[in-house]
Protein backbone atom coordinates (compact mmCIF):
# COMPACT_ATOMS: atom_id res chain seq x y z
CA MET A 1 -115.10 198.98 -8.17
CA MET A 2 -114.98 195.69 -10.09
CA ILE A 3 -116.25 195.06 -13.63
CA GLU A 4 -116.96 191.51 -14.78
CA ILE A 5 -115.17 190.73 -18.06
CA PRO A 6 -117.39 188.78 -20.51
CA LYS A 7 -116.15 185.35 -21.65
CA ASP A 8 -115.77 186.31 -25.34
CA VAL A 9 -113.74 189.48 -24.59
CA GLN A 10 -110.02 189.85 -23.88
CA VAL A 11 -108.86 192.81 -21.78
CA GLU A 12 -105.35 194.12 -21.39
CA VAL A 13 -104.20 197.01 -19.20
CA LYS A 14 -101.06 198.96 -20.04
CA GLY A 15 -100.60 201.71 -17.49
CA ASP A 16 -103.63 203.99 -17.84
CA THR A 17 -104.82 202.44 -21.12
CA VAL A 18 -107.42 199.69 -21.44
CA ILE A 19 -107.25 197.51 -24.58
CA VAL A 20 -110.36 195.44 -25.29
CA SER A 21 -110.56 192.93 -28.13
CA GLY A 22 -113.41 190.71 -29.25
CA LYS A 23 -114.82 189.02 -32.33
CA LEU A 24 -115.50 192.29 -34.19
CA GLU A 25 -112.69 194.68 -33.36
CA LYS A 26 -109.96 195.80 -31.01
CA LEU A 27 -110.50 199.06 -29.10
CA GLN A 28 -108.30 201.01 -26.75
CA ARG A 29 -108.99 203.97 -24.52
CA SER A 30 -106.69 205.96 -22.28
CA PHE A 31 -107.79 207.16 -18.85
CA LYS A 32 -104.48 208.98 -18.26
CA SER A 33 -105.77 212.38 -17.17
CA LEU A 34 -108.20 210.83 -14.67
CA GLY A 35 -105.47 209.46 -12.39
CA VAL A 36 -107.10 206.10 -11.77
CA LYS A 37 -105.55 202.74 -11.05
CA LEU A 38 -106.63 199.97 -13.43
CA GLU A 39 -105.83 196.33 -12.71
CA ILE A 40 -107.01 192.92 -13.93
CA LYS A 41 -107.79 190.41 -11.19
CA GLY A 42 -108.94 187.05 -12.55
CA ASN A 43 -111.91 187.70 -14.81
CA GLN A 44 -112.58 191.18 -13.42
CA LEU A 45 -111.23 194.66 -14.06
CA GLU A 46 -110.63 196.72 -10.91
CA ILE A 47 -110.97 200.51 -11.02
CA GLY A 48 -109.85 202.65 -8.11
CA GLY A 49 -107.91 205.57 -6.76
CA GLY A 50 -109.20 208.47 -8.87
CA GLU A 51 -109.66 211.99 -7.49
CA GLY A 52 -113.35 211.99 -8.50
CA GLY A 53 -114.27 209.02 -6.30
CA LYS A 54 -117.36 206.97 -7.09
CA VAL A 55 -118.54 209.32 -9.86
CA LEU A 56 -115.30 208.90 -11.78
CA GLU A 57 -115.35 205.14 -11.28
CA GLY A 58 -118.90 205.01 -12.63
CA THR A 59 -117.88 206.99 -15.72
CA ILE A 60 -114.97 204.65 -16.44
CA GLU A 61 -117.21 201.64 -15.84
CA ALA A 62 -119.68 202.95 -18.45
CA HIS A 63 -116.88 203.54 -20.98
CA VAL A 64 -115.43 200.06 -20.46
CA LYS A 65 -118.86 198.38 -20.72
CA ASN A 66 -119.47 200.29 -23.97
CA MET A 67 -116.13 198.94 -25.21
CA PHE A 68 -117.26 195.41 -24.30
CA LYS A 69 -120.50 195.85 -26.25
CA GLY A 70 -118.67 197.46 -29.18
CA VAL A 71 -116.22 194.60 -29.71
CA THR A 72 -118.93 191.93 -29.44
CA GLU A 73 -122.11 193.47 -30.95
CA GLY A 74 -121.19 196.91 -32.29
CA PHE A 75 -123.32 200.05 -32.41
CA SER A 76 -125.58 201.22 -35.20
CA HIS A 77 -127.93 204.10 -35.97
CA LYS A 78 -130.27 204.91 -38.83
CA LEU A 79 -130.62 208.44 -40.16
CA GLN A 80 -133.06 209.69 -42.76
CA ALA A 81 -132.69 212.53 -45.26
CA VAL A 82 -135.92 214.53 -45.26
CA HIS A 83 -136.75 217.12 -47.89
CA SER A 84 -139.83 219.07 -48.87
CA HIS A 85 -138.41 221.57 -51.36
CA PHE A 86 -135.46 220.12 -53.28
CA PRO A 87 -134.73 216.38 -53.53
CA MET A 88 -131.32 215.69 -52.03
CA SER A 89 -128.99 212.74 -52.47
CA VAL A 90 -126.46 211.30 -50.04
CA GLU A 91 -123.20 209.70 -51.15
CA VAL A 92 -120.23 208.24 -49.26
CA LYS A 93 -116.77 209.00 -50.66
CA GLY A 94 -113.77 207.80 -48.65
CA ASP A 95 -113.97 209.31 -45.16
CA LYS A 96 -116.64 211.90 -46.11
CA VAL A 97 -120.40 211.87 -46.52
CA LEU A 98 -121.57 214.20 -49.30
CA ILE A 99 -125.07 215.68 -49.23
CA LYS A 100 -125.90 216.94 -52.72
CA ASN A 101 -128.61 219.43 -53.79
CA PHE A 102 -129.47 220.30 -50.18
CA ILE A 103 -132.08 223.11 -50.38
CA GLY A 104 -130.99 223.66 -53.97
CA GLU A 105 -127.36 224.47 -53.23
CA LYS A 106 -124.91 223.83 -56.08
CA LYS A 107 -121.98 222.91 -53.81
CA PRO A 108 -122.44 219.63 -51.86
CA ARG A 109 -122.22 219.75 -48.09
CA SER A 110 -119.84 217.27 -46.44
CA ALA A 111 -119.55 215.54 -43.08
CA ASP A 112 -116.54 213.67 -41.67
CA ILE A 113 -116.65 209.96 -40.83
CA VAL A 114 -114.88 209.41 -37.49
CA GLY A 115 -112.59 206.47 -36.79
CA LYS A 116 -113.48 203.00 -38.09
CA THR A 117 -117.14 203.86 -38.53
CA LYS A 118 -118.92 202.49 -41.60
CA VAL A 119 -121.54 204.60 -43.38
CA GLU A 120 -123.90 203.25 -46.02
CA ALA A 121 -126.41 205.37 -47.94
CA LYS A 122 -129.45 203.75 -49.59
CA GLY A 123 -131.80 206.33 -51.07
CA THR A 124 -132.91 208.60 -48.24
CA ASP A 125 -131.76 206.16 -45.52
CA ILE A 126 -128.27 206.40 -44.02
CA PHE A 127 -126.92 203.55 -41.90
CA VAL A 128 -124.03 204.28 -39.52
CA SER A 129 -122.32 201.43 -37.64
CA GLY A 130 -119.07 200.62 -35.89
CA PRO A 131 -117.44 199.24 -32.75
CA ASP A 132 -116.75 202.58 -31.02
CA LYS A 133 -119.86 204.21 -29.53
CA ASP A 134 -118.26 207.66 -29.42
CA ALA A 135 -117.13 207.53 -33.07
CA VAL A 136 -120.53 206.29 -34.30
CA GLY A 137 -122.35 209.00 -32.34
CA GLN A 138 -119.97 211.74 -33.53
CA THR A 139 -120.35 210.61 -37.16
CA CYS A 140 -124.16 210.81 -36.83
CA ALA A 141 -123.85 214.27 -35.29
CA ASN A 142 -121.51 215.42 -38.08
CA ILE A 143 -124.01 214.29 -40.73
CA SER A 144 -126.95 216.00 -38.98
CA LEU A 145 -124.98 219.20 -38.36
CA ALA A 146 -123.94 219.39 -42.01
CA THR A 147 -127.58 220.01 -42.89
CA VAL A 148 -128.31 222.83 -40.46
CA ILE A 149 -130.16 225.64 -42.24
CA LYS A 150 -129.09 229.16 -41.31
CA GLN A 151 -130.75 232.49 -42.11
CA LYS A 152 -134.02 230.90 -43.20
CA ASP A 153 -137.25 230.34 -41.32
CA SER A 154 -136.90 226.95 -39.58
CA ARG A 155 -140.70 226.57 -39.48
CA VAL A 156 -140.77 226.52 -43.29
CA PHE A 157 -137.41 224.94 -44.17
CA GLN A 158 -137.41 221.69 -42.20
CA ASP A 159 -135.17 219.83 -44.66
CA GLY A 160 -132.25 217.95 -43.15
CA VAL A 161 -130.87 214.61 -42.00
CA TYR A 162 -132.40 213.33 -38.78
CA MET A 163 -131.80 210.27 -36.59
CA VAL A 164 -134.76 207.90 -36.67
CA GLU A 165 -133.36 204.79 -34.92
């Protein structure tokens, strides 16, 4: 399988690792455990030889194309803090997102920021962006999961942080 390399992206292959760099960032991903052969031929990246056949090649193609998009455009999501009982506030400190006064709790809940992801909180809106699709998605999931309500009726207590875009 061949993947066309965009003009504004540089790709380097070192063994089982693909290094992609563009105007925004430099990303690398290892496909070591998949046993595939990666090779650059002209302005194309060739994938072949894995045990999983076409399915595995398609998975690697999707990951590499996401890397291309990440280093040129980046990925972003918008989350919103929703409350009906206690007004909560969201704050970013270092590599953590702190959710304060969630359902009246005294101790703030925290969520980890993964990789080089940037998080910005403005009122009830939370903007998550970065070059790595997996890291941006995992950061959004961490923030949402930090506000899961346990041992209360979920039909009544619908407070939390939810993805809106």
